[in-house]
Amino acid sequence: MAEVIDWRGAEVGKFYRPPKMPVTMRLDAKLIEWLKSYGPGYQTKANLLLRHAISTTQASKITSKRRPV
């Protein structure tokens, strides 16, 4: 395979996948039913929802720190 010399078309982070850990959580049956109602991959969907909650929480913390009290 030839060495890549031109990296202009490269996309940073395209193939990055954060490491995952197996965990056991007790969740409401209705929550699991709702996640599963969207088809396969309910654990992935739960992970995405939790990541979104983290990012919005961090963003609101940053915004609240910038406002004068």
PDB file of N, CA and C in Angstrom:
ATOM      1  N   MET A   1       0.845  -1.173   0.000  1.00  0.00           N
ATOM      2  CA  MET A   1       0.000   0.000   0.000  1.00  0.00           C
ATOM      3  C   MET A   1       0.894   1.242   0.000  1.00  0.00           C
ATOM      4  N   ALA A   2       0.548   2.204  -0.824  1.00  0.00           N
ATOM      5  CA  ALA A   2       1.347   3.424  -0.937  1.00  0.00           C
ATOM      6  C   ALA A   2       1.144   4.314   0.288  1.00  0.00           C
ATOM      7  N   GLU A   3       2.189   5.019   0.655  1.00  0.00           N
ATOM      8  CA  GLU A   3       2.112   5.944   1.780  1.00  0.00           C
ATOM      9  C   GLU A   3       1.246   7.142   1.412  1.00  0.00           C
ATOM     10  N   VAL A   4       0.409   7.584   2.356  1.00  0.00           N
ATOM     11  CA  VAL A   4      -0.444   8.753   2.120  1.00  0.00           C
ATOM     12  C   VAL A   4       0.397   9.997   2.331  1.00  0.00           C
ATOM     13  N   ILE A   5       0.456  10.830   1.317  1.00  0.00           N
ATOM     14  CA  ILE A   5       1.244  12.054   1.392  1.00  0.00           C
ATOM     15  C   ILE A   5       0.333  13.276   1.538  1.00  0.00           C
ATOM     16  N   ASP A   6      -0.790  13.255   0.862  1.00  0.00           N
ATOM     17  CA  ASP A   6      -1.711  14.391   0.887  1.00  0.00           C
ATOM     18  C   ASP A   6      -2.864  14.106   1.854  1.00  0.00           C
ATOM     19  N   TRP A   7      -2.935  14.840   2.967  1.00  0.00           N
ATOM     20  CA  TRP A   7      -3.946  14.632   3.999  1.00  0.00           C
ATOM     21  C   TRP A   7      -5.056  15.678   3.953  1.00  0.00           C
ATOM     22  N   ARG A   8      -5.156  16.448   2.880  1.00  0.00           N
ATOM     23  CA  ARG A   8      -6.152  17.521   2.813  1.00  0.00           C
ATOM     24  C   ARG A   8      -7.590  17.028   2.922  1.00  0.00           C
ATOM     25  N   GLY A   9      -7.898  15.851   2.426  1.00  0.00           N
ATOM     26  CA  GLY A   9      -9.268  15.339   2.458  1.00  0.00           C
ATOM     27  C   GLY A   9      -9.586  14.538   3.715  1.00  0.00           C
ATOM     28  N   ALA A  10      -8.639  14.461   4.643  1.00  0.00           N
ATOM     29  CA  ALA A  10      -8.842  13.664   5.852  1.00  0.00           C
ATOM     30  C   ALA A  10      -9.869  14.315   6.776  1.00  0.00           C
ATOM     31  N   GLU A  11     -10.605  13.481   7.496  1.00  0.00           N
ATOM     32  CA  GLU A  11     -11.590  13.954   8.461  1.00  0.00           C
ATOM     33  C   GLU A  11     -11.133  13.557   9.854  1.00  0.00           C
ATOM     34  N   VAL A  12     -10.973  14.529  10.717  1.00  0.00           N
ATOM     35  CA  VAL A  12     -10.506  14.276  12.070  1.00  0.00           C
ATOM     36  C   VAL A  12     -11.625  13.639  12.884  1.00  0.00           C
ATOM     37  N   GLY A  13     -11.307  12.553  13.570  1.00  0.00           N
ATOM     38  CA  GLY A  13     -12.256  11.903  14.464  1.00  0.00           C
ATOM     39  C   GLY A  13     -13.330  11.070  13.791  1.00  0.00           C
ATOM     40  N   LYS A  14     -13.235  10.845  12.507  1.00  0.00           N
ATOM     41  CA  LYS A  14     -14.283  10.122  11.782  1.00  0.00           C
ATOM     42  C   LYS A  14     -14.447   8.696  12.308  1.00  0.00           C
ATOM     43  N   PHE A  15     -13.371   8.042  12.642  1.00  0.00           N
ATOM     44  CA  PHE A  15     -13.438   6.652  13.069  1.00  0.00           C
ATOM     45  C   PHE A  15     -13.198   6.476  14.567  1.00  0.00           C
ATOM     46  N   TYR A  16     -13.226   7.571  15.320  1.00  0.00           N
ATOM     47  CA  TYR A  16     -13.003   7.478  16.769  1.00  0.00           C
ATOM     48  C   TYR A  16     -14.240   6.918  17.451  1.00  0.00           C
ATOM     49  N   ARG A  17     -14.032   5.948  18.310  1.00  0.00           N
ATOM     50  CA  ARG A  17     -15.105   5.418  19.127  1.00  0.00           C
ATOM     51  C   ARG A  17     -14.622   5.415  20.567  1.00  0.00           C
ATOM     52  N   PRO A  18     -15.317   6.119  21.445  1.00  0.00           N
ATOM     53  CA  PRO A  18     -14.873   6.127  22.835  1.00  0.00           C
ATOM     54  C   PRO A  18     -14.976   4.724  23.447  1.00  0.00           C
ATOM     55  N   PRO A  19     -14.085   4.396  24.362  1.00  0.00           N
ATOM     56  CA  PRO A  19     -14.155   3.075  24.998  1.00  0.00           C
ATOM     57  C   PRO A  19     -15.448   2.936  25.794  1.00  0.00           C
ATOM     58  N   LYS A  20     -15.987   1.733  25.843  1.00  0.00           N
ATOM     59  CA  LYS A  20     -17.224   1.478  26.576  1.00  0.00           C
ATOM     60  C   LYS A  20     -16.967   0.437  27.648  1.00  0.00           C
ATOM     61  N   MET A  21     -17.765   0.510  28.717  1.00  0.00           N
ATOM     62  CA  MET A  21     -17.669  -0.429  29.821  1.00  0.00           C
ATOM     63  C   MET A  21     -19.012  -1.119  29.999  1.00  0.00           C
ATOM     64  N   PRO A  22     -19.010  -2.409  30.242  1.00  0.00           N
ATOM     65  CA  PRO A  22     -20.270  -3.061  30.559  1.00  0.00           C
ATOM     66  C   PRO A  22     -20.710  -2.662  31.973  1.00  0.00           C
ATOM     67  N   VAL A  23     -21.964  -2.273  32.111  1.00  0.00           N
ATOM     68  CA  VAL A  23     -22.505  -1.889  33.415  1.00  0.00           C
ATOM     69  C   VAL A  23     -23.882  -2.513  33.597  1.00  0.00           C
ATOM     70  N   THR A  24     -24.314  -2.575  34.828  1.00  0.00           N
ATOM     71  CA  THR A  24     -25.661  -3.025  35.137  1.00  0.00           C
ATOM     72  C   THR A  24     -26.406  -1.853  35.750  1.00  0.00           C
ATOM     73  N   MET A  25     -27.548  -1.523  35.158  1.00  0.00           N
ATOM     74  CA  MET A  25     -28.373  -0.418  35.660  1.00  0.00           C
ATOM     75  C   MET A  25     -29.797  -0.909  35.828  1.00  0.00           C
ATOM     76  N   ARG A  26     -30.479  -0.394  36.815  1.00  0.00           N
ATOM     77  CA  ARG A  26     -31.888  -0.700  36.993  1.00  0.00           C
ATOM     78  C   ARG A  26     -32.677   0.486  36.481  1.00  0.00           C
ATOM     79  N   LEU A  27     -33.418   0.263  35.395  1.00  0.00           N
ATOM     80  CA  LEU A  27     -34.208   1.313  34.767  1.00  0.00           C
ATOM     81  C   LEU A  27     -35.675   0.923  34.792  1.00  0.00           C
ATOM     82  N   ASP A  28     -36.541   1.919  34.749  1.00  0.00           N
ATOM     83  CA  ASP A  28     -37.976   1.659  34.716  1.00  0.00           C
ATOM     84  C   ASP A  28     -38.337   0.823  33.494  1.00  0.00           C
ATOM     85  N   ALA A  29     -39.281  -0.087  33.674  1.00  0.00           N
ATOM     86  CA  ALA A  29     -39.722  -0.950  32.579  1.00  0.00           C
ATOM     87  C   ALA A  29     -40.280  -0.114  31.423  1.00  0.00           C
ATOM     88  N   LYS A  30     -40.990   0.969  31.738  1.00  0.00           N
ATOM     89  CA  LYS A  30     -41.562   1.835  30.696  1.00  0.00           C
ATOM     90  C   LYS A  30     -40.448   2.480  29.863  1.00  0.00           C
ATOM     91  N   LEU A  31     -39.355   2.829  30.504  1.00  0.00           N
ATOM     92  CA  LEU A  31     -38.229   3.432  29.792  1.00  0.00           C
ATOM     93  C   LEU A  31     -37.619   2.439  28.804  1.00  0.00           C
ATOM     94  N   ILE A  32     -37.389   1.218  29.256  1.00  0.00           N
ATOM     95  CA  ILE A  32     -36.826   0.187  28.375  1.00  0.00           C
ATOM     96  C   ILE A  32     -37.799  -0.108  27.244  1.00  0.00           C
ATOM     97  N   GLU A  33     -39.082  -0.188  27.549  1.00  0.00           N
ATOM     98  CA  GLU A  33     -40.097  -0.424  26.517  1.00  0.00           C
ATOM     99  C   GLU A  33     -40.076   0.684  25.470  1.00  0.00           C
ATOM    100  N   TRP A  34     -39.946   1.934  25.916  1.00  0.00           N
ATOM    101  CA  TRP A  34     -39.904   3.078  25.003  1.00  0.00           C
ATOM    102  C   TRP A  34     -38.657   3.020  24.112  1.00  0.00           C
ATOM    103  N   LEU A  35     -37.501   2.738  24.703  1.00  0.00           N
ATOM    104  CA  LEU A  35     -36.270   2.638  23.917  1.00  0.00           C
ATOM    105  C   LEU A  35     -36.356   1.506  22.896  1.00  0.00           C
ATOM    106  N   LYS A  36     -36.881   0.357  23.302  1.00  0.00           N
ATOM    107  CA  LYS A  36     -36.987  -0.789  22.407  1.00  0.00           C
ATOM    108  C   LYS A  36     -38.023  -0.571  21.309  1.00  0.00           C
ATOM    109  N   SER A  37     -38.991   0.327  21.540  1.00  0.00           N
ATOM    110  CA  SER A  37     -40.043   0.567  20.545  1.00  0.00           C
ATOM    111  C   SER A  37     -39.482   1.195  19.266  1.00  0.00           C
ATOM    112  N   TYR A  38     -38.291   1.763  19.334  1.00  0.00           N
ATOM    113  CA  TYR A  38     -37.670   2.373  18.162  1.00  0.00           C
ATOM    114  C   TYR A  38     -36.824   1.387  17.366  1.00  0.00           C
ATOM    115  N   GLY A  39     -36.864   0.105  17.753  1.00  0.00           N
ATOM    116  CA  GLY A  39     -36.140  -0.916  17.008  1.00  0.00           C
ATOM    117  C   GLY A  39     -34.864  -1.341  17.709  1.00  0.00           C
ATOM    118  N   PRO A  40     -34.051  -2.133  17.017  1.00  0.00           N
ATOM    119  CA  PRO A  40     -32.822  -2.639  17.630  1.00  0.00           C
ATOM    120  C   PRO A  40     -31.863  -1.507  18.009  1.00  0.00           C
ATOM    121  N   GLY A  41     -31.033  -1.800  18.987  1.00  0.00           N
ATOM    122  CA  GLY A  41     -30.035  -0.826  19.394  1.00  0.00           C
ATOM    123  C   GLY A  41     -30.487   0.059  20.542  1.00  0.00           C
ATOM    124  N   TYR A  42     -31.335  -0.461  21.423  1.00  0.00           N
ATOM    125  CA  TYR A  42     -31.846   0.380  22.507  1.00  0.00           C
ATOM    126  C   TYR A  42     -30.747   0.826  23.459  1.00  0.00           C
ATOM    127  N   GLN A  43     -29.715   0.015  23.640  1.00  0.00           N
ATOM    128  CA  GLN A  43     -28.620   0.424  24.520  1.00  0.00           C
ATOM    129  C   GLN A  43     -27.825   1.564  23.901  1.00  0.00           C
ATOM    130  N   THR A  44     -27.640   1.525  22.597  1.00  0.00           N
ATOM    131  CA  THR A  44     -26.964   2.611  21.898  1.00  0.00           C
ATOM    132  C   THR A  44     -27.777   3.893  22.011  1.00  0.00           C
ATOM    133  N   LYS A  45     -29.096   3.781  21.876  1.00  0.00           N
ATOM    134  CA  LYS A  45     -29.959   4.954  22.011  1.00  0.00           C
ATOM    135  C   LYS A  45     -29.879   5.531  23.423  1.00  0.00           C
ATOM    136  N   ALA A  46     -29.870   4.667  24.429  1.00  0.00           N
ATOM    137  CA  ALA A  46     -29.741   5.131  25.808  1.00  0.00           C
ATOM    138  C   ALA A  46     -28.409   5.849  25.998  1.00  0.00           C
ATOM    139  N   ASN A  47     -27.348   5.320  25.413  1.00  0.00           N
ATOM    140  CA  ASN A  47     -26.033   5.944  25.495  1.00  0.00           C
ATOM    141  C   ASN A  47     -26.049   7.335  24.857  1.00  0.00           C
ATOM    142  N   LEU A  48     -26.678   7.446  23.685  1.00  0.00           N
ATOM    143  CA  LEU A  48     -26.765   8.746  23.003  1.00  0.00           C
ATOM    144  C   LEU A  48     -27.560   9.756  23.824  1.00  0.00           C
ATOM    145  N   LEU A  49     -28.657   9.307  24.429  1.00  0.00           N
ATOM    146  CA  LEU A  49     -29.463  10.207  25.265  1.00  0.00           C
ATOM    147  C   LEU A  49     -28.669  10.702  26.480  1.00  0.00           C
ATOM    148  N   LEU A  50     -27.915   9.810  27.092  1.00  0.00           N
ATOM    149  CA  LEU A  50     -27.109  10.204  28.251  1.00  0.00           C
ATOM    150  C   LEU A  50     -25.976  11.149  27.846  1.00  0.00           C
ATOM    151  N   ARG A  51     -25.348  10.894  26.695  1.00  0.00           N
ATOM    152  CA  ARG A  51     -24.289  11.795  26.213  1.00  0.00           C
ATOM    153  C   ARG A  51     -24.866  13.180  25.927  1.00  0.00           C
ATOM    154  N   HIS A  52     -26.071  13.223  25.356  1.00  0.00           N
ATOM    155  CA  HIS A  52     -26.727  14.507  25.081  1.00  0.00           C
ATOM    156  C   HIS A  52     -27.015  15.241  26.389  1.00  0.00           C
ATOM    157  N   ALA A  53     -27.486  14.515  27.396  1.00  0.00           N
ATOM    158  CA  ALA A  53     -27.757  15.126  28.703  1.00  0.00           C
ATOM    159  C   ALA A  53     -26.479  15.709  29.301  1.00  0.00           C
ATOM    160  N   ILE A  54     -25.379  15.011  29.153  1.00  0.00           N
ATOM    161  CA  ILE A  54     -24.091  15.505  29.667  1.00  0.00           C
ATOM    162  C   ILE A  54     -23.696  16.784  28.942  1.00  0.00           C
ATOM    163  N   SER A  55     -23.787  16.777  27.617  1.00  0.00           N
ATOM    164  CA  SER A  55     -23.347  17.950  26.856  1.00  0.00           C
ATOM    165  C   SER A  55     -24.223  19.170  27.135  1.00  0.00           C
ATOM    166  N   THR A  56     -25.536  18.976  27.278  1.00  0.00           N
ATOM    167  CA  THR A  56     -26.402  20.129  27.563  1.00  0.00           C
ATOM    168  C   THR A  56     -26.189  20.634  28.985  1.00  0.00           C
ATOM    169  N   THR A  57     -25.926  19.718  29.906  1.00  0.00           N
ATOM    170  CA  THR A  57     -25.654  20.131  31.290  1.00  0.00           C
ATOM    171  C   THR A  57     -24.353  20.922  31.362  1.00  0.00           C
ATOM    172  N   GLN A  58     -23.328  20.443  30.667  1.00  0.00           N
ATOM    173  CA  GLN A  58     -22.042  21.147  30.670  1.00  0.00           C
ATOM    174  C   GLN A  58     -22.183  22.507  30.002  1.00  0.00           C
ATOM    175  N   ALA A  59     -22.948  22.580  28.927  1.00  0.00           N
ATOM    176  CA  ALA A  59     -23.143  23.850  28.223  1.00  0.00           C
ATOM    177  C   ALA A  59     -23.882  24.843  29.122  1.00  0.00           C
ATOM    178  N   SER A  60     -24.880  24.379  29.871  1.00  0.00           N
ATOM    179  CA  SER A  60     -25.619  25.295  30.743  1.00  0.00           C
ATOM    180  C   SER A  60     -24.759  25.761  31.918  1.00  0.00           C
ATOM    181  N   LYS A  61     -23.859  24.905  32.385  1.00  0.00           N
ATOM    182  CA  LYS A  61     -22.950  25.302  33.466  1.00  0.00           C
ATOM    183  C   LYS A  61     -22.011  26.405  32.983  1.00  0.00           C
ATOM    184  N   ILE A  62     -21.508  26.259  31.761  1.00  0.00           N
ATOM    185  CA  ILE A  62     -20.597  27.256  31.189  1.00  0.00           C
ATOM    186  C   ILE A  62     -21.327  28.585  31.018  1.00  0.00           C
ATOM    187  N   THR A  63     -22.557  28.528  30.510  1.00  0.00           N
ATOM    188  CA  THR A  63     -23.354  29.745  30.292  1.00  0.00           C
ATOM    189  C   THR A  63     -23.664  30.429  31.612  1.00  0.00           C
ATOM    190  N   SER A  64     -24.032  29.662  32.636  1.00  0.00           N
ATOM    191  CA  SER A  64     -24.380  30.257  33.923  1.00  0.00           C
ATOM    192  C   SER A  64     -23.168  30.870  34.615  1.00  0.00           C
ATOM    193  N   LYS A  65     -21.969  30.349  34.380  1.00  0.00           N
ATOM    194  CA  LYS A  65     -20.758  30.920  34.958  1.00  0.00           C
ATOM    195  C   LYS A  65     -20.403  32.247  34.327  1.00  0.00           C
ATOM    196  N   ARG A  66     -20.793  32.449  33.079  1.00  0.00           N
ATOM    197  CA  ARG A  66     -20.450  33.684  32.374  1.00  0.00           C
ATOM    198  C   ARG A  66     -21.379  34.829  32.749  1.00  0.00           C
ATOM    199  N   ARG A  67     -22.584  34.530  33.215  1.00  0.00           N
ATOM    200  CA  ARG A  67     -23.550  35.589  33.552  1.00  0.00           C
ATOM    201  C   ARG A  67     -23.179  36.247  34.877  1.00  0.00           C
ATOM    202  N   PRO A  68     -23.218  37.571  34.906  1.00  0.00           N
ATOM    203  CA  PRO A  68     -22.979  38.231  36.195  1.00  0.00           C
ATOM    204  C   PRO A  68     -24.176  38.023  37.113  1.00  0.00           C
ATOM    205  N   VAL A  69     -23.907  37.842  38.385  1.00  0.00           N
ATOM    206  CA  VAL A  69     -24.978  37.583  39.359  1.00  0.00           C
ATOM    207  C   VAL A  69     -25.386  38.839  40.060  1.00  0.00           C
TER     208      VAL A  69
END
